[in-house]
């Protein structure tokens, strides 16, 4: 069985790898992230930060709090990814994901345009990239659910193992 430090370290590395791949798709391949993609990046960053915190600080009650927080972030990211997948499968008649970068800069003062840039400018319903038939949103959903299951399963198994070690043997 893996230790809590190793488990959280693997979660942090997974988040770092997925965020790095997202940045690769954006800056090398040229795919523009949509607002929902940006929200998923925030959720993934949050999970990674929770995991890094748990690597270095995993006292008993803190472990429960970080497990709950990491799971909630993963489930929130899964919800956004599921919603984006739904929009990709059943696109609405009117695009409502936001404006493009140049439209924001031309239409708004710079102090209002800068925060809008971080909201994303791509179309949430557009499928620009696929792997094994799944879009980025589909794979993002799988990753978020896998992280939530991994975090919760490890917490339950670790808790059960701790109880088994403290119970007297007959």
N, C-alpha and C. Protein backbone atom coordinates (compact mmCIF):
# COMPACT_ATOMS: atom_id res chain seq x y z
N UNK A 1 0.84 -1.18 0.00
CA UNK A 1 0.00 0.00 0.00
C UNK A 1 0.88 1.24 0.00
N UNK A 2 0.47 2.23 -0.75
CA UNK A 2 1.23 3.46 -0.84
C UNK A 2 1.03 4.31 0.41
N UNK A 3 2.05 5.06 0.74
CA UNK A 3 1.94 5.98 1.87
C UNK A 3 1.14 7.20 1.44
N UNK A 4 0.58 7.95 2.42
CA UNK A 4 -0.14 9.18 2.05
C UNK A 4 0.73 10.16 1.27
N UNK A 5 1.98 10.28 1.66
CA UNK A 5 2.88 11.22 0.97
C UNK A 5 3.06 10.83 -0.50
N UNK A 6 3.26 9.56 -0.77
CA UNK A 6 3.44 9.10 -2.15
C UNK A 6 2.15 9.25 -2.94
N UNK A 7 1.02 8.90 -2.32
CA UNK A 7 -0.27 9.02 -3.00
C UNK A 7 -0.56 10.45 -3.39
N UNK A 8 -0.42 11.38 -2.45
CA UNK A 8 -0.66 12.79 -2.77
C UNK A 8 0.36 13.31 -3.77
N UNK A 9 1.59 12.81 -3.69
CA UNK A 9 2.60 13.20 -4.67
C UNK A 9 2.23 12.76 -6.08
N UNK A 10 1.66 11.56 -6.19
CA UNK A 10 1.20 11.09 -7.51
C UNK A 10 0.05 11.93 -8.03
N UNK A 11 -0.86 12.33 -7.14
CA UNK A 11 -1.96 13.21 -7.55
C UNK A 11 -1.40 14.54 -8.05
N UNK A 12 -0.45 15.10 -7.30
CA UNK A 12 0.16 16.38 -7.70
C UNK A 12 0.87 16.25 -9.06
N UNK A 13 1.60 15.15 -9.26
CA UNK A 13 2.27 14.94 -10.54
C UNK A 13 1.27 14.76 -11.68
N UNK A 14 0.17 14.07 -11.41
CA UNK A 14 -0.88 13.92 -12.43
C UNK A 14 -1.45 15.26 -12.82
N UNK A 15 -1.72 16.11 -11.82
CA UNK A 15 -2.25 17.45 -12.10
C UNK A 15 -1.25 18.26 -12.91
N UNK A 16 0.00 18.21 -12.51
CA UNK A 16 1.04 18.95 -13.23
C UNK A 16 1.15 18.47 -14.67
N UNK A 17 1.09 17.17 -14.88
CA UNK A 17 1.16 16.63 -16.24
C UNK A 17 -0.02 17.05 -17.10
N UNK A 18 -1.22 16.99 -16.52
CA UNK A 18 -2.41 17.38 -17.28
C UNK A 18 -2.42 18.88 -17.58
N UNK A 19 -2.02 19.70 -16.61
CA UNK A 19 -1.94 21.14 -16.86
C UNK A 19 -0.87 21.45 -17.91
N UNK A 20 0.24 20.74 -17.84
CA UNK A 20 1.30 20.93 -18.84
C UNK A 20 0.83 20.55 -20.23
N UNK A 21 0.05 19.46 -20.33
CA UNK A 21 -0.47 19.06 -21.63
C UNK A 21 -1.47 20.08 -22.16
N UNK A 22 -2.28 20.64 -21.26
CA UNK A 22 -3.21 21.70 -21.67
C UNK A 22 -2.48 22.91 -22.20
N UNK A 23 -1.38 23.29 -21.53
CA UNK A 23 -0.59 24.42 -22.01
C UNK A 23 0.10 24.10 -23.33
N UNK A 24 0.52 22.85 -23.51
CA UNK A 24 1.09 22.42 -24.78
C UNK A 24 0.06 22.57 -25.91
N UNK A 25 -1.15 22.09 -25.65
CA UNK A 25 -2.20 22.20 -26.67
C UNK A 25 -2.51 23.66 -26.99
N UNK A 26 -2.42 24.52 -25.98
CA UNK A 26 -2.71 25.94 -26.21
C UNK A 26 -1.58 26.64 -26.94
N UNK A 27 -0.35 26.49 -26.46
CA UNK A 27 0.75 27.31 -26.97
C UNK A 27 1.51 26.68 -28.13
N UNK A 28 1.50 25.36 -28.24
CA UNK A 28 2.23 24.71 -29.33
C UNK A 28 1.28 24.32 -30.47
N UNK A 29 0.18 23.67 -30.11
CA UNK A 29 -0.78 23.24 -31.12
C UNK A 29 -1.65 24.41 -31.59
N UNK A 30 -1.89 25.37 -30.70
CA UNK A 30 -2.65 26.56 -31.07
C UNK A 30 -4.13 26.50 -30.76
N UNK A 31 -4.54 25.66 -29.85
CA UNK A 31 -5.95 25.58 -29.46
C UNK A 31 -6.25 26.64 -28.41
N UNK A 32 -7.30 27.41 -28.63
CA UNK A 32 -7.71 28.45 -27.67
C UNK A 32 -8.62 27.84 -26.61
N UNK A 33 -8.30 28.01 -25.34
CA UNK A 33 -9.18 27.47 -24.29
C UNK A 33 -10.46 28.31 -24.18
N UNK A 34 -11.54 27.63 -23.90
CA UNK A 34 -12.82 28.32 -23.70
C UNK A 34 -12.97 28.64 -22.21
N UNK A 35 -13.98 29.40 -21.83
CA UNK A 35 -14.17 29.71 -20.41
C UNK A 35 -14.32 28.46 -19.54
N UNK A 36 -14.99 27.43 -20.05
CA UNK A 36 -15.13 26.21 -19.26
C UNK A 36 -13.79 25.49 -19.10
N UNK A 37 -12.94 25.58 -20.12
CA UNK A 37 -11.60 25.01 -20.02
C UNK A 37 -10.79 25.71 -18.93
N UNK A 38 -10.93 27.02 -18.86
CA UNK A 38 -10.21 27.79 -17.84
C UNK A 38 -10.69 27.39 -16.45
N UNK A 39 -11.99 27.20 -16.28
CA UNK A 39 -12.52 26.77 -14.98
C UNK A 39 -11.96 25.40 -14.63
N UNK A 40 -11.87 24.51 -15.61
CA UNK A 40 -11.29 23.19 -15.36
C UNK A 40 -9.82 23.30 -15.00
N UNK A 41 -9.11 24.23 -15.60
CA UNK A 41 -7.70 24.44 -15.24
C UNK A 41 -7.58 24.93 -13.80
N UNK A 42 -8.48 25.83 -13.40
CA UNK A 42 -8.47 26.29 -12.00
C UNK A 42 -8.74 25.14 -11.05
N UNK A 43 -9.69 24.28 -11.38
CA UNK A 43 -9.99 23.12 -10.53
C UNK A 43 -8.78 22.19 -10.46
N UNK A 44 -8.13 21.95 -11.59
CA UNK A 44 -6.96 21.07 -11.62
C UNK A 44 -5.80 21.69 -10.83
N UNK A 45 -5.64 23.00 -10.95
CA UNK A 45 -4.61 23.69 -10.17
C UNK A 45 -4.92 23.58 -8.69
N UNK A 46 -6.19 23.75 -8.32
CA UNK A 46 -6.59 23.62 -6.93
C UNK A 46 -6.30 22.24 -6.38
N UNK A 47 -6.61 21.20 -7.15
CA UNK A 47 -6.32 19.83 -6.71
C UNK A 47 -4.82 19.65 -6.54
N UNK A 48 -4.05 20.16 -7.49
CA UNK A 48 -2.59 20.06 -7.39
C UNK A 48 -2.04 20.75 -6.17
N UNK A 49 -2.56 21.93 -5.86
CA UNK A 49 -2.09 22.66 -4.67
C UNK A 49 -2.50 21.93 -3.39
N UNK A 50 -3.71 21.39 -3.36
CA UNK A 50 -4.14 20.60 -2.20
C UNK A 50 -3.23 19.38 -2.04
N UNK A 51 -2.91 18.73 -3.14
CA UNK A 51 -2.05 17.55 -3.10
C UNK A 51 -0.65 17.92 -2.61
N UNK A 52 -0.10 19.03 -3.09
CA UNK A 52 1.22 19.46 -2.61
C UNK A 52 1.20 19.79 -1.13
N UNK A 53 0.15 20.44 -0.69
CA UNK A 53 0.01 20.74 0.73
C UNK A 53 -0.06 19.44 1.54
N UNK A 54 -0.79 18.46 1.03
CA UNK A 54 -0.93 17.18 1.73
C UNK A 54 0.37 16.39 1.75
N UNK A 55 1.23 16.58 0.75
CA UNK A 55 2.52 15.89 0.75
C UNK A 55 3.35 16.32 1.95
N UNK A 56 3.29 17.60 2.28
CA UNK A 56 4.15 18.13 3.34
C UNK A 56 3.46 18.25 4.69
N UNK A 57 2.12 18.21 4.69
CA UNK A 57 1.39 18.41 5.95
C UNK A 57 0.19 17.48 5.95
N UNK A 58 0.33 16.35 6.59
CA UNK A 58 -0.76 15.38 6.58
C UNK A 58 -1.05 14.83 7.98
N UNK A 59 -1.21 15.74 8.93
CA UNK A 59 -1.68 15.34 10.25
C UNK A 59 -3.09 14.78 10.10
N UNK A 60 -3.56 14.04 11.10
CA UNK A 60 -4.82 13.30 11.00
C UNK A 60 -5.99 14.16 10.54
N UNK A 61 -6.31 15.21 11.27
CA UNK A 61 -7.48 16.01 10.90
C UNK A 61 -7.25 16.80 9.63
N UNK A 62 -6.01 17.21 9.37
CA UNK A 62 -5.71 17.94 8.14
C UNK A 62 -5.89 17.02 6.93
N UNK A 63 -5.54 15.76 7.10
CA UNK A 63 -5.73 14.79 6.02
C UNK A 63 -7.18 14.66 5.61
N UNK A 64 -8.06 14.66 6.59
CA UNK A 64 -9.49 14.58 6.27
C UNK A 64 -9.97 15.83 5.54
N UNK A 65 -9.51 16.98 6.00
CA UNK A 65 -9.91 18.25 5.36
C UNK A 65 -9.38 18.30 3.93
N UNK A 66 -8.11 17.94 3.73
CA UNK A 66 -7.52 17.99 2.39
C UNK A 66 -8.16 16.95 1.48
N UNK A 67 -8.51 15.79 2.03
CA UNK A 67 -9.20 14.77 1.23
C UNK A 67 -10.55 15.30 0.77
N UNK A 68 -11.29 15.91 1.68
CA UNK A 68 -12.60 16.46 1.33
C UNK A 68 -12.45 17.58 0.30
N UNK A 69 -11.49 18.47 0.50
CA UNK A 69 -11.28 19.59 -0.41
C UNK A 69 -10.85 19.10 -1.80
N UNK A 70 -9.91 18.17 -1.84
CA UNK A 70 -9.46 17.62 -3.12
C UNK A 70 -10.58 16.92 -3.86
N UNK A 71 -11.40 16.17 -3.11
CA UNK A 71 -12.53 15.47 -3.73
C UNK A 71 -13.56 16.46 -4.26
N UNK A 72 -13.86 17.50 -3.48
CA UNK A 72 -14.82 18.51 -3.94
C UNK A 72 -14.33 19.24 -5.18
N UNK A 73 -13.05 19.58 -5.22
CA UNK A 73 -12.49 20.22 -6.41
C UNK A 73 -12.57 19.30 -7.62
N UNK A 74 -12.26 18.01 -7.41
CA UNK A 74 -12.31 17.05 -8.51
C UNK A 74 -13.74 16.87 -9.01
N UNK A 75 -14.69 16.80 -8.09
CA UNK A 75 -16.09 16.66 -8.51
C UNK A 75 -16.60 17.93 -9.19
N UNK A 76 -16.16 19.10 -8.73
CA UNK A 76 -16.52 20.35 -9.40
C UNK A 76 -15.95 20.41 -10.80
N UNK A 77 -14.70 20.03 -10.96
CA UNK A 77 -14.09 19.98 -12.29
C UNK A 77 -14.81 18.98 -13.19
N UNK A 78 -15.20 17.82 -12.61
CA UNK A 78 -15.93 16.81 -13.39
C UNK A 78 -17.28 17.35 -13.85
N UNK A 79 -17.93 18.13 -12.97
CA UNK A 79 -19.22 18.71 -13.35
C UNK A 79 -19.06 19.66 -14.53
N UNK A 80 -18.06 20.53 -14.49
CA UNK A 80 -17.84 21.48 -15.59
C UNK A 80 -17.47 20.73 -16.87
N UNK A 81 -16.62 19.71 -16.74
CA UNK A 81 -16.24 18.93 -17.93
C UNK A 81 -17.44 18.18 -18.50
N UNK A 82 -18.31 17.67 -17.63
CA UNK A 82 -19.52 16.99 -18.10
C UNK A 82 -20.44 17.97 -18.82
N UNK A 83 -20.57 19.16 -18.27
CA UNK A 83 -21.41 20.18 -18.91
C UNK A 83 -20.85 20.55 -20.28
N UNK A 84 -19.53 20.70 -20.36
CA UNK A 84 -18.92 21.04 -21.65
C UNK A 84 -19.09 19.88 -22.63
N UNK A 85 -18.96 18.66 -22.17
CA UNK A 85 -19.18 17.51 -23.05
C UNK A 85 -20.61 17.51 -23.58
N UNK A 86 -21.55 17.83 -22.69
CA UNK A 86 -22.96 17.91 -23.10
C UNK A 86 -23.14 18.98 -24.18
N UNK A 87 -22.51 20.14 -23.98
CA UNK A 87 -22.61 21.21 -24.97
C UNK A 87 -21.98 20.81 -26.30
N UNK A 88 -20.93 19.99 -26.25
CA UNK A 88 -20.31 19.54 -27.49
C UNK A 88 -21.18 18.52 -28.21
N UNK A 89 -21.87 17.68 -27.46
CA UNK A 89 -22.75 16.68 -28.08
C UNK A 89 -24.04 17.30 -28.58
N UNK A 90 -24.55 18.29 -27.84
CA UNK A 90 -25.81 18.96 -28.18
C UNK A 90 -25.61 20.47 -28.17
N UNK A 91 -24.93 21.00 -29.20
CA UNK A 91 -24.62 22.44 -29.20
C UNK A 91 -25.88 23.31 -29.25
N UNK A 92 -25.86 24.41 -28.50
CA UNK A 92 -27.00 25.32 -28.52
C UNK A 92 -27.03 26.10 -29.84
N UNK A 93 -28.16 26.71 -30.12
CA UNK A 93 -28.31 27.48 -31.36
C UNK A 93 -27.47 28.75 -31.33
N UNK A 94 -27.27 29.33 -30.14
CA UNK A 94 -26.52 30.56 -29.99
C UNK A 94 -25.31 30.29 -29.12
N UNK A 95 -24.13 30.65 -29.62
CA UNK A 95 -22.91 30.46 -28.84
C UNK A 95 -22.92 31.42 -27.65
N UNK A 96 -22.64 30.89 -26.46
CA UNK A 96 -22.69 31.74 -25.27
C UNK A 96 -21.48 31.57 -24.38
N UNK A 97 -20.35 31.19 -24.94
CA UNK A 97 -19.17 30.93 -24.12
C UNK A 97 -18.26 32.14 -23.96
N UNK A 98 -18.45 33.17 -24.69
CA UNK A 98 -17.61 34.35 -24.52
C UNK A 98 -17.10 34.90 -25.84
N UNK A 99 -16.39 36.02 -25.74
CA UNK A 99 -15.86 36.71 -26.92
C UNK A 99 -14.43 36.27 -27.17
N UNK A 100 -13.93 36.56 -28.37
CA UNK A 100 -12.54 36.25 -28.65
C UNK A 100 -11.64 37.33 -28.06
N UNK A 101 -10.34 37.04 -27.98
CA UNK A 101 -9.37 37.92 -27.33
C UNK A 101 -9.35 39.31 -27.96
N UNK A 102 -9.29 39.38 -29.27
CA UNK A 102 -9.18 40.68 -29.94
C UNK A 102 -10.45 41.51 -29.76
N UNK A 103 -11.59 40.86 -29.76
CA UNK A 103 -12.84 41.56 -29.52
C UNK A 103 -12.90 42.16 -28.13
N UNK A 104 -12.34 41.45 -27.14
CA UNK A 104 -12.32 41.98 -25.77
C UNK A 104 -11.43 43.21 -25.67
N UNK A 105 -10.24 43.14 -26.28
CA UNK A 105 -9.28 44.25 -26.18
C UNK A 105 -9.81 45.47 -26.92
N UNK A 106 -10.46 45.27 -28.05
CA UNK A 106 -11.00 46.39 -28.81
C UNK A 106 -12.24 47.00 -28.15
N UNK A 107 -13.02 46.20 -27.44
CA UNK A 107 -14.28 46.67 -26.88
C UNK A 107 -14.21 47.19 -25.45
N UNK A 108 -13.19 46.79 -24.71
CA UNK A 108 -13.13 47.15 -23.29
C UNK A 108 -11.80 47.83 -22.97
N UNK A 109 -11.78 48.67 -21.92
CA UNK A 109 -10.51 49.23 -21.46
C UNK A 109 -9.60 48.10 -20.96
N UNK A 110 -8.31 48.37 -20.97
CA UNK A 110 -7.34 47.34 -20.64
C UNK A 110 -7.55 46.74 -19.25
N UNK A 111 -7.92 47.56 -18.25
CA UNK A 111 -8.11 47.03 -16.90
C UNK A 111 -9.31 46.08 -16.82
N UNK A 112 -10.25 46.16 -17.74
CA UNK A 112 -11.37 45.20 -17.78
C UNK A 112 -11.05 44.04 -18.72
N UNK A 113 -10.21 44.29 -19.73
CA UNK A 113 -9.92 43.24 -20.71
C UNK A 113 -8.97 42.18 -20.14
N UNK A 114 -8.01 42.59 -19.30
CA UNK A 114 -7.03 41.64 -18.76
C UNK A 114 -7.71 40.51 -17.99
N UNK A 115 -8.63 40.79 -17.05
CA UNK A 115 -9.30 39.66 -16.38
C UNK A 115 -10.11 38.78 -17.34
N UNK A 116 -10.66 39.39 -18.38
CA UNK A 116 -11.44 38.62 -19.35
C UNK A 116 -10.56 37.65 -20.14
N UNK A 117 -9.30 38.01 -20.32
CA UNK A 117 -8.38 37.14 -21.05
C UNK A 117 -8.25 35.80 -20.34
N UNK A 118 -8.22 35.84 -19.01
CA UNK A 118 -8.06 34.61 -18.24
C UNK A 118 -9.34 33.79 -18.19
N UNK A 119 -10.42 34.30 -18.70
CA UNK A 119 -11.66 33.54 -18.75
C UNK A 119 -11.71 32.64 -19.98
N UNK A 120 -10.82 32.82 -20.91
CA UNK A 120 -10.80 32.00 -22.12
C UNK A 120 -11.58 32.67 -23.25
N UNK A 121 -11.24 32.28 -24.46
CA UNK A 121 -11.89 32.91 -25.60
C UNK A 121 -12.36 31.91 -26.66
N UNK A 122 -12.10 30.64 -26.45
CA UNK A 122 -12.52 29.65 -27.43
C UNK A 122 -14.00 29.33 -27.31
N UNK A 123 -14.48 28.56 -28.26
CA UNK A 123 -15.87 28.13 -28.30
C UNK A 123 -16.00 26.83 -27.50
N UNK A 124 -16.84 26.83 -26.48
CA UNK A 124 -17.01 25.66 -25.61
C UNK A 124 -17.62 24.46 -26.34
N UNK A 125 -18.34 24.71 -27.42
CA UNK A 125 -19.00 23.61 -28.12
C UNK A 125 -18.14 23.00 -29.22
N UNK A 126 -17.04 23.65 -29.55
CA UNK A 126 -16.20 23.20 -30.65
C UNK A 126 -15.25 22.10 -30.18
N UNK A 127 -15.13 21.04 -30.97
CA UNK A 127 -14.21 19.94 -30.69
C UNK A 127 -13.02 20.10 -31.63
N UNK A 128 -11.90 20.59 -31.08
CA UNK A 128 -10.70 20.84 -31.89
C UNK A 128 -9.73 19.67 -31.90
N UNK A 129 -9.81 18.81 -30.90
CA UNK A 129 -8.81 17.76 -30.71
C UNK A 129 -9.50 16.55 -30.11
N UNK A 130 -9.14 15.37 -30.59
CA UNK A 130 -9.69 14.14 -30.01
C UNK A 130 -8.58 13.11 -29.83
N UNK A 131 -8.82 12.22 -28.90
CA UNK A 131 -7.92 11.08 -28.67
C UNK A 131 -8.81 9.88 -28.36
N UNK A 132 -8.68 8.83 -29.15
CA UNK A 132 -9.50 7.63 -29.01
C UNK A 132 -11.00 7.96 -29.01
N UNK A 133 -11.38 8.93 -29.81
CA UNK A 133 -12.78 9.30 -29.96
C UNK A 133 -13.31 10.27 -28.91
N UNK A 134 -12.51 10.63 -27.92
CA UNK A 134 -12.96 11.54 -26.88
C UNK A 134 -12.34 12.92 -27.03
N UNK A 135 -13.14 13.94 -26.76
CA UNK A 135 -12.65 15.31 -26.83
C UNK A 135 -11.85 15.64 -25.56
N UNK A 136 -11.28 16.82 -25.53
CA UNK A 136 -10.55 17.27 -24.34
C UNK A 136 -11.49 17.29 -23.13
N UNK A 137 -12.71 17.76 -23.33
CA UNK A 137 -13.67 17.80 -22.22
C UNK A 137 -14.01 16.40 -21.73
N UNK A 138 -14.14 15.45 -22.66
CA UNK A 138 -14.43 14.07 -22.26
C UNK A 138 -13.30 13.49 -21.42
N UNK A 139 -12.07 13.69 -21.89
CA UNK A 139 -10.91 13.16 -21.15
C UNK A 139 -10.70 13.91 -19.84
N UNK A 140 -11.03 15.19 -19.83
CA UNK A 140 -10.94 15.95 -18.60
C UNK A 140 -11.92 15.39 -17.56
N UNK A 141 -13.13 15.06 -18.00
CA UNK A 141 -14.12 14.44 -17.11
C UNK A 141 -13.57 13.14 -16.53
N UNK A 142 -12.99 12.31 -17.39
CA UNK A 142 -12.42 11.03 -16.94
C UNK A 142 -11.32 11.28 -15.91
N UNK A 143 -10.46 12.26 -16.17
CA UNK A 143 -9.36 12.56 -15.25
C UNK A 143 -9.89 13.05 -13.90
N UNK A 144 -10.86 13.93 -13.91
CA UNK A 144 -11.42 14.45 -12.65
C UNK A 144 -12.10 13.34 -11.85
N UNK A 145 -12.87 12.50 -12.51
CA UNK A 145 -13.54 11.41 -11.80
C UNK A 145 -12.50 10.43 -11.25
N UNK A 146 -11.48 10.12 -12.05
CA UNK A 146 -10.43 9.21 -11.59
C UNK A 146 -9.72 9.78 -10.36
N UNK A 147 -9.46 11.09 -10.36
CA UNK A 147 -8.81 11.70 -9.19
C UNK A 147 -9.70 11.66 -7.96
N UNK A 148 -10.99 11.93 -8.14
CA UNK A 148 -11.91 11.88 -7.01
C UNK A 148 -11.98 10.47 -6.44
N UNK A 149 -12.07 9.48 -7.32
CA UNK A 149 -12.13 8.08 -6.87
C UNK A 149 -10.82 7.69 -6.19
N UNK A 150 -9.70 8.07 -6.78
CA UNK A 150 -8.38 7.74 -6.23
C UNK A 150 -8.22 8.34 -4.82
N UNK A 151 -8.56 9.61 -4.69
CA UNK A 151 -8.41 10.28 -3.39
C UNK A 151 -9.31 9.63 -2.34
N UNK A 152 -10.57 9.41 -2.69
CA UNK A 152 -11.51 8.83 -1.73
C UNK A 152 -11.16 7.38 -1.41
N UNK A 153 -10.81 6.59 -2.41
CA UNK A 153 -10.47 5.19 -2.18
C UNK A 153 -9.24 5.08 -1.28
N UNK A 154 -8.24 5.90 -1.56
CA UNK A 154 -7.05 5.85 -0.71
C UNK A 154 -7.38 6.26 0.72
N UNK A 155 -8.21 7.29 0.88
CA UNK A 155 -8.57 7.74 2.23
C UNK A 155 -9.30 6.63 2.99
N UNK A 156 -10.23 5.96 2.34
CA UNK A 156 -10.99 4.89 2.99
C UNK A 156 -10.07 3.73 3.33
N UNK A 157 -9.23 3.31 2.39
CA UNK A 157 -8.31 2.20 2.64
C UNK A 157 -7.30 2.54 3.73
N UNK A 158 -6.79 3.77 3.70
CA UNK A 158 -5.82 4.19 4.71
C UNK A 158 -6.47 4.24 6.09
N UNK A 159 -7.70 4.73 6.15
CA UNK A 159 -8.42 4.78 7.42
C UNK A 159 -8.69 3.37 7.94
N UNK A 160 -9.11 2.47 7.06
CA UNK A 160 -9.38 1.09 7.46
C UNK A 160 -8.10 0.40 7.92
N UNK A 161 -7.01 0.66 7.25
CA UNK A 161 -5.73 0.05 7.65
C UNK A 161 -5.29 0.57 9.00
N UNK A 162 -5.50 1.86 9.24
CA UNK A 162 -5.14 2.44 10.54
C UNK A 162 -5.97 1.86 11.67
N UNK A 163 -7.24 1.61 11.43
CA UNK A 163 -8.10 1.01 12.45
C UNK A 163 -7.70 -0.43 12.72
N UNK A 164 -7.33 -1.16 11.67
CA UNK A 164 -6.95 -2.57 11.83
C UNK A 164 -5.66 -2.68 12.64
N UNK A 165 -4.76 -1.72 12.49
CA UNK A 165 -3.49 -1.76 13.24
C UNK A 165 -3.68 -1.42 14.70
N UNK A 166 -4.70 -0.62 15.03
CA UNK A 166 -4.89 -0.21 16.43
C UNK A 166 -5.80 -1.13 17.21
N UNK A 167 -6.56 -2.03 16.54
CA UNK A 167 -7.44 -2.96 17.24
C UNK A 167 -6.63 -4.11 17.79
N UNK A 168 -6.95 -4.57 19.01
CA UNK A 168 -6.20 -5.69 19.60
C UNK A 168 -6.51 -6.98 18.86
N UNK A 169 -5.51 -7.80 18.72
CA UNK A 169 -5.65 -9.10 18.07
C UNK A 169 -6.09 -10.13 19.09
N UNK A 170 -7.01 -11.01 18.71
CA UNK A 170 -7.53 -12.04 19.61
C UNK A 170 -6.83 -13.34 19.37
